[in-house]
């Protein structure tokens, strides 16, 4: 089972700090984000805060086990690395089949730093290689983002099953 970051919509204040942290976490090594922005670098977070109906909540990749994005990819650029669904940007042709296949709209086309003007499939990678975990979760001032590892997801599912069983039996959970 893959890990994933989920947001609690009741806690999210829509500040977009998660988007900024994501963009900075994926900036080229040694790049000054201020100078990059002045030079016209794209603001390219791998999650998007969606506002609708008085709510704001970040939407990011659910790291699907049978990932529709990977199944739709004609070149195999999307694959499971055992921890998450990853992107091999060298293999991506930019066909956008993954965007059409993603059930939550978490895929995007992001600029490729090594080839200006070229965009490739981009998605949350759980900040792979960042020792302290996802940057979005670390900066959220409302504590609205949670990294659910496979064990945490198992506990969450078990707790919900228990509540559902108790509700079906007419017992208060």
C-alpha atoms as a PDB file:
ATOM      1  CA  UNK A   1       0.000   0.000   0.000  1.00  0.00           C
ATOM      2  CA  UNK A   2       1.298   3.465  -0.882  1.00  0.00           C
ATOM      3  CA  UNK A   3       1.439   6.313   1.605  1.00  0.00           C
ATOM      4  CA  UNK A   4      -0.438   9.527   0.838  1.00  0.00           C
ATOM      5  CA  UNK A   5      -1.043  13.014   2.163  1.00  0.00           C
ATOM      6  CA  UNK A   6      -4.652  13.921   2.858  1.00  0.00           C
ATOM      7  CA  UNK A   7      -6.146  17.197   3.997  1.00  0.00           C
ATOM      8  CA  UNK A   8      -8.783  17.803   6.620  1.00  0.00           C
ATOM      9  CA  UNK A   9     -11.146  20.258   4.928  1.00  0.00           C
ATOM     10  CA  UNK A  10     -12.502  21.405   8.270  1.00  0.00           C
ATOM     11  CA  UNK A  11      -9.042  22.588   9.334  1.00  0.00           C
ATOM     12  CA  UNK A  12      -7.757  24.040   6.031  1.00  0.00           C
ATOM     13  CA  UNK A  13      -7.746  27.842   6.025  1.00  0.00           C
ATOM     14  CA  UNK A  14      -6.854  28.109   2.326  1.00  0.00           C
ATOM     15  CA  UNK A  15      -3.620  30.039   2.917  1.00  0.00           C
ATOM     16  CA  UNK A  16      -1.773  28.206   0.106  1.00  0.00           C
ATOM     17  CA  UNK A  17       1.366  27.814   2.233  1.00  0.00           C
ATOM     18  CA  UNK A  18       1.337  24.168   1.102  1.00  0.00           C
ATOM     19  CA  UNK A  19       1.553  25.192  -2.547  1.00  0.00           C
ATOM     20  CA  UNK A  20       4.495  27.507  -1.859  1.00  0.00           C
ATOM     21  CA  UNK A  21       6.299  24.870   0.223  1.00  0.00           C
ATOM     22  CA  UNK A  22       5.754  22.291  -2.505  1.00  0.00           C
ATOM     23  CA  UNK A  23       7.155  24.569  -5.189  1.00  0.00           C
ATOM     24  CA  UNK A  24      10.200  25.417  -3.072  1.00  0.00           C
ATOM     25  CA  UNK A  25      10.780  21.769  -2.145  1.00  0.00           C
ATOM     26  CA  UNK A  26      10.953  20.859  -5.824  1.00  0.00           C
ATOM     27  CA  UNK A  27      13.038  23.825  -6.989  1.00  0.00           C
ATOM     28  CA  UNK A  28      16.385  23.067  -8.570  1.00  0.00           C
ATOM     29  CA  UNK A  29      19.157  22.507  -6.050  1.00  0.00           C
ATOM     30  CA  UNK A  30      20.832  25.752  -5.172  1.00  0.00           C
ATOM     31  CA  UNK A  31      18.211  27.818  -6.962  1.00  0.00           C
ATOM     32  CA  UNK A  32      17.284  31.095  -5.258  1.00  0.00           C
ATOM     33  CA  UNK A  33      13.488  31.047  -5.370  1.00  0.00           C
ATOM     34  CA  UNK A  34      13.249  34.839  -5.372  1.00  0.00           C
ATOM     35  CA  UNK A  35      15.609  35.204  -8.318  1.00  0.00           C
ATOM     36  CA  UNK A  36      13.924  32.317 -10.127  1.00  0.00           C
ATOM     37  CA  UNK A  37      10.548  34.032  -9.784  1.00  0.00           C
ATOM     38  CA  UNK A  38      12.011  37.321 -11.038  1.00  0.00           C
ATOM     39  CA  UNK A  39      13.425  35.456 -14.016  1.00  0.00           C
ATOM     40  CA  UNK A  40       9.967  34.125 -14.844  1.00  0.00           C
ATOM     41  CA  UNK A  41      10.227  30.623 -13.415  1.00  0.00           C
ATOM     42  CA  UNK A  42       6.863  28.928 -13.228  1.00  0.00           C
ATOM     43  CA  UNK A  43       5.093  28.553  -9.908  1.00  0.00           C
ATOM     44  CA  UNK A  44       4.567  24.815 -10.139  1.00  0.00           C
ATOM     45  CA  UNK A  45       3.203  23.157  -7.001  1.00  0.00           C
ATOM     46  CA  UNK A  46       2.271  19.491  -7.117  1.00  0.00           C
ATOM     47  CA  UNK A  47      -0.920  20.093  -5.174  1.00  0.00           C
ATOM     48  CA  UNK A  48      -3.645  22.669  -5.680  1.00  0.00           C
ATOM     49  CA  UNK A  49      -5.802  24.437  -3.126  1.00  0.00           C
ATOM     50  CA  UNK A  50      -9.358  24.293  -4.445  1.00  0.00           C
ATOM     51  CA  UNK A  51     -11.914  26.815  -3.207  1.00  0.00           C
ATOM     52  CA  UNK A  52     -15.588  26.158  -3.660  1.00  0.00           C
ATOM     53  CA  UNK A  53     -18.758  26.447  -1.647  1.00  0.00           C
ATOM     54  CA  UNK A  54     -17.061  28.284   1.214  1.00  0.00           C
ATOM     55  CA  UNK A  55     -14.456  25.555   1.626  1.00  0.00           C
ATOM     56  CA  UNK A  56     -10.800  25.454   0.734  1.00  0.00           C
ATOM     57  CA  UNK A  57      -8.817  22.260   0.630  1.00  0.00           C
ATOM     58  CA  UNK A  58      -5.621  21.137  -1.065  1.00  0.00           C
ATOM     59  CA  UNK A  59      -5.979  18.339  -3.584  1.00  0.00           C
ATOM     60  CA  UNK A  60      -3.034  16.124  -4.312  1.00  0.00           C
ATOM     61  CA  UNK A  61      -2.237  12.672  -5.641  1.00  0.00           C
ATOM     62  CA  UNK A  62      -3.829   9.785  -3.754  1.00  0.00           C
ATOM     63  CA  UNK A  63      -0.959   7.482  -4.797  1.00  0.00           C
ATOM     64  CA  UNK A  64      -3.481   4.921  -6.142  1.00  0.00           C
ATOM     65  CA  UNK A  65      -2.371   1.302  -5.955  1.00  0.00           C
ATOM     66  CA  UNK A  66      -3.773   0.497  -9.411  1.00  0.00           C
ATOM     67  CA  UNK A  67      -2.990   3.984 -10.647  1.00  0.00           C
ATOM     68  CA  UNK A  68      -5.177   4.990 -13.612  1.00  0.00           C
ATOM     69  CA  UNK A  69      -2.515   7.533 -14.609  1.00  0.00           C
ATOM     70  CA  UNK A  70       0.106   4.794 -14.872  1.00  0.00           C
ATOM     71  CA  UNK A  71      -2.277   2.507 -16.759  1.00  0.00           C
ATOM     72  CA  UNK A  72      -2.999   5.286 -19.256  1.00  0.00           C
ATOM     73  CA  UNK A  73       0.648   6.206 -19.796  1.00  0.00           C
ATOM     74  CA  UNK A  74       1.773   4.866 -23.198  1.00  0.00           C
ATOM     75  CA  UNK A  75       5.472   5.082 -22.388  1.00  0.00           C
ATOM     76  CA  UNK A  76       5.549   3.688 -18.849  1.00  0.00           C
ATOM     77  CA  UNK A  77       6.710   7.029 -17.458  1.00  0.00           C
ATOM     78  CA  UNK A  78       4.405   6.590 -14.461  1.00  0.00           C
ATOM     79  CA  UNK A  79       5.079   3.646 -12.191  1.00  0.00           C
ATOM     80  CA  UNK A  80       4.976   2.490  -8.588  1.00  0.00           C
ATOM     81  CA  UNK A  81       8.272   2.834  -6.788  1.00  0.00           C
ATOM     82  CA  UNK A  82       6.884   0.866  -3.862  1.00  0.00           C
ATOM     83  CA  UNK A  83       6.270   4.005  -1.808  1.00  0.00           C
ATOM     84  CA  UNK A  84       4.263   6.125  -4.242  1.00  0.00           C
ATOM     85  CA  UNK A  85       3.409   6.574  -7.899  1.00  0.00           C
ATOM     86  CA  UNK A  86       6.493   8.107  -9.481  1.00  0.00           C
ATOM     87  CA  UNK A  87       7.240   9.889 -12.755  1.00  0.00           C
ATOM     88  CA  UNK A  88      10.214   9.158 -14.986  1.00  0.00           C
ATOM     89  CA  UNK A  89      10.367  12.564 -16.647  1.00  0.00           C
ATOM     90  CA  UNK A  90      12.853  11.308 -19.258  1.00  0.00           C
ATOM     91  CA  UNK A  91      10.255   8.830 -20.518  1.00  0.00           C
ATOM     92  CA  UNK A  92       7.320  11.275 -20.479  1.00  0.00           C
ATOM     93  CA  UNK A  93       6.261  12.511 -23.908  1.00  0.00           C
ATOM     94  CA  UNK A  94       3.811  15.092 -22.558  1.00  0.00           C
ATOM     95  CA  UNK A  95       0.798  13.364 -24.117  1.00  0.00           C
ATOM     96  CA  UNK A  96      -1.461  14.234 -21.138  1.00  0.00           C
ATOM     97  CA  UNK A  97      -3.161  10.815 -21.049  1.00  0.00           C
ATOM     98  CA  UNK A  98      -2.456  10.778 -17.300  1.00  0.00           C
ATOM     99  CA  UNK A  99      -4.349  14.045 -16.812  1.00  0.00           C
ATOM    100  CA  UNK A 100      -7.438  12.559 -18.437  1.00  0.00           C
ATOM    101  CA  UNK A 101      -7.175   9.334 -16.423  1.00  0.00           C
ATOM    102  CA  UNK A 102      -6.590  10.734 -12.912  1.00  0.00           C
ATOM    103  CA  UNK A 103      -9.822  10.375 -10.905  1.00  0.00           C
ATOM    104  CA  UNK A 104      -9.052  13.294  -8.574  1.00  0.00           C
ATOM    105  CA  UNK A 105      -7.431  15.741 -10.998  1.00  0.00           C
ATOM    106  CA  UNK A 106      -4.088  15.553  -9.236  1.00  0.00           C
ATOM    107  CA  UNK A 107      -1.945  15.255 -12.360  1.00  0.00           C
ATOM    108  CA  UNK A 108      -0.531  18.334 -14.001  1.00  0.00           C
ATOM    109  CA  UNK A 109       1.922  19.271 -16.686  1.00  0.00           C
ATOM    110  CA  UNK A 110       4.938  20.889 -15.061  1.00  0.00           C
ATOM    111  CA  UNK A 111       7.894  22.670 -16.618  1.00  0.00           C
ATOM    112  CA  UNK A 112      11.041  20.590 -16.934  1.00  0.00           C
ATOM    113  CA  UNK A 113      13.906  22.585 -15.391  1.00  0.00           C
ATOM    114  CA  UNK A 114      16.529  20.996 -17.603  1.00  0.00           C
ATOM    115  CA  UNK A 115      14.654  21.808 -20.829  1.00  0.00           C
ATOM    116  CA  UNK A 116      12.922  25.200 -20.680  1.00  0.00           C
ATOM    117  CA  UNK A 117       9.647  25.219 -22.549  1.00  0.00           C
ATOM    118  CA  UNK A 118       9.068  21.485 -22.225  1.00  0.00           C
ATOM    119  CA  UNK A 119       6.388  20.243 -19.838  1.00  0.00           C
ATOM    120  CA  UNK A 120       6.060  16.743 -18.464  1.00  0.00           C
ATOM    121  CA  UNK A 121       3.680  14.883 -16.175  1.00  0.00           C
ATOM    122  CA  UNK A 122       3.969  16.080 -12.623  1.00  0.00           C
ATOM    123  CA  UNK A 123       2.396  14.965  -9.401  1.00  0.00           C
ATOM    124  CA  UNK A 124       2.972  14.730  -5.669  1.00  0.00           C
ATOM    125  CA  UNK A 125       5.977  12.533  -4.936  1.00  0.00           C
ATOM    126  CA  UNK A 126       5.611  12.854  -1.150  1.00  0.00           C
ATOM    127  CA  UNK A 127       8.786  14.971  -1.331  1.00  0.00           C
ATOM    128  CA  UNK A 128      10.879  11.914  -2.118  1.00  0.00           C
ATOM    129  CA  UNK A 129      14.379  12.426  -0.806  1.00  0.00           C
ATOM    130  CA  UNK A 130      13.328  15.048   1.735  1.00  0.00           C
ATOM    131  CA  UNK A 131      14.321  13.513   5.088  1.00  0.00           C
ATOM    132  CA  UNK A 132      11.659  15.338   7.078  1.00  0.00           C
ATOM    133  CA  UNK A 133       8.805  14.241   4.813  1.00  0.00           C
ATOM    134  CA  UNK A 134       6.339  16.223   2.732  1.00  0.00           C
ATOM    135  CA  UNK A 135       7.000  19.971   2.822  1.00  0.00           C
ATOM    136  CA  UNK A 136       3.291  20.775   2.556  1.00  0.00           C
ATOM    137  CA  UNK A 137       2.560  18.998   5.801  1.00  0.00           C
ATOM    138  CA  UNK A 138       5.493  20.635   7.569  1.00  0.00           C
ATOM    139  CA  UNK A 139       4.394  24.201   6.809  1.00  0.00           C
ATOM    140  CA  UNK A 140       0.621  23.933   7.223  1.00  0.00           C
ATOM    141  CA  UNK A 141      -0.232  26.459   9.950  1.00  0.00           C
ATOM    142  CA  UNK A 142      -3.625  24.861  10.564  1.00  0.00           C
ATOM    143  CA  UNK A 143      -2.365  21.290  10.893  1.00  0.00           C
ATOM    144  CA  UNK A 144      -4.706  20.278   8.091  1.00  0.00           C
ATOM    145  CA  UNK A 145      -2.370  17.945   6.192  1.00  0.00           C
ATOM    146  CA  UNK A 146      -1.582  14.421   7.325  1.00  0.00           C
ATOM    147  CA  UNK A 147       0.837  11.877   5.918  1.00  0.00           C
ATOM    148  CA  UNK A 148      -0.876   8.513   6.050  1.00  0.00           C
ATOM    149  CA  UNK A 149       1.633   5.696   5.782  1.00  0.00           C
ATOM    150  CA  UNK A 150       0.314   2.191   5.094  1.00  0.00           C
ATOM    151  CA  UNK A 151       0.056   1.421   8.814  1.00  0.00           C
ATOM    152  CA  UNK A 152      -1.864   4.653   9.512  1.00  0.00           C
ATOM    153  CA  UNK A 153      -4.201   3.923   6.607  1.00  0.00           C
ATOM    154  CA  UNK A 154      -4.836   0.453   8.036  1.00  0.00           C
ATOM    155  CA  UNK A 155      -5.702   1.935  11.442  1.00  0.00           C
ATOM    156  CA  UNK A 156      -7.955   4.558   9.825  1.00  0.00           C
ATOM    157  CA  UNK A 157      -9.814   1.882   7.841  1.00  0.00           C
ATOM    158  CA  UNK A 158     -10.205  -0.348  10.894  1.00  0.00           C
ATOM    159  CA  UNK A 159     -11.618   2.534  12.964  1.00  0.00           C
ATOM    160  CA  UNK A 160     -14.125   3.432  10.232  1.00  0.00           C
ATOM    161  CA  UNK A 161     -15.196  -0.199   9.827  1.00  0.00           C
ATOM    162  CA  UNK A 162     -15.776  -0.383  13.583  1.00  0.00           C
ATOM    163  CA  UNK A 163     -17.899   2.799  13.549  1.00  0.00           C
ATOM    164  CA  UNK A 164     -19.881   1.526  10.545  1.00  0.00           C
ATOM    165  CA  UNK A 165     -20.493  -1.837  12.213  1.00  0.00           C
ATOM    166  CA  UNK A 166     -21.635  -0.156  15.420  1.00  0.00           C
ATOM    167  CA  UNK A 167     -23.906   2.201  13.467  1.00  0.00           C
ATOM    168  CA  UNK A 168     -25.448  -0.749  11.576  1.00  0.00           C
ATOM    169  CA  UNK A 169     -26.072  -2.492  14.895  1.00  0.00           C
ATOM    170  CA  UNK A 170     -27.707   0.630  16.301  1.00  0.00           C
ATOM    171  CA  UNK A 171     -25.019   1.071  18.925  1.00  0.00           C
ATOM    172  CA  UNK A 172     -23.461   4.472  19.408  1.00  0.00           C
ATOM    173  CA  UNK A 173     -19.815   4.450  18.340  1.00  0.00           C
END
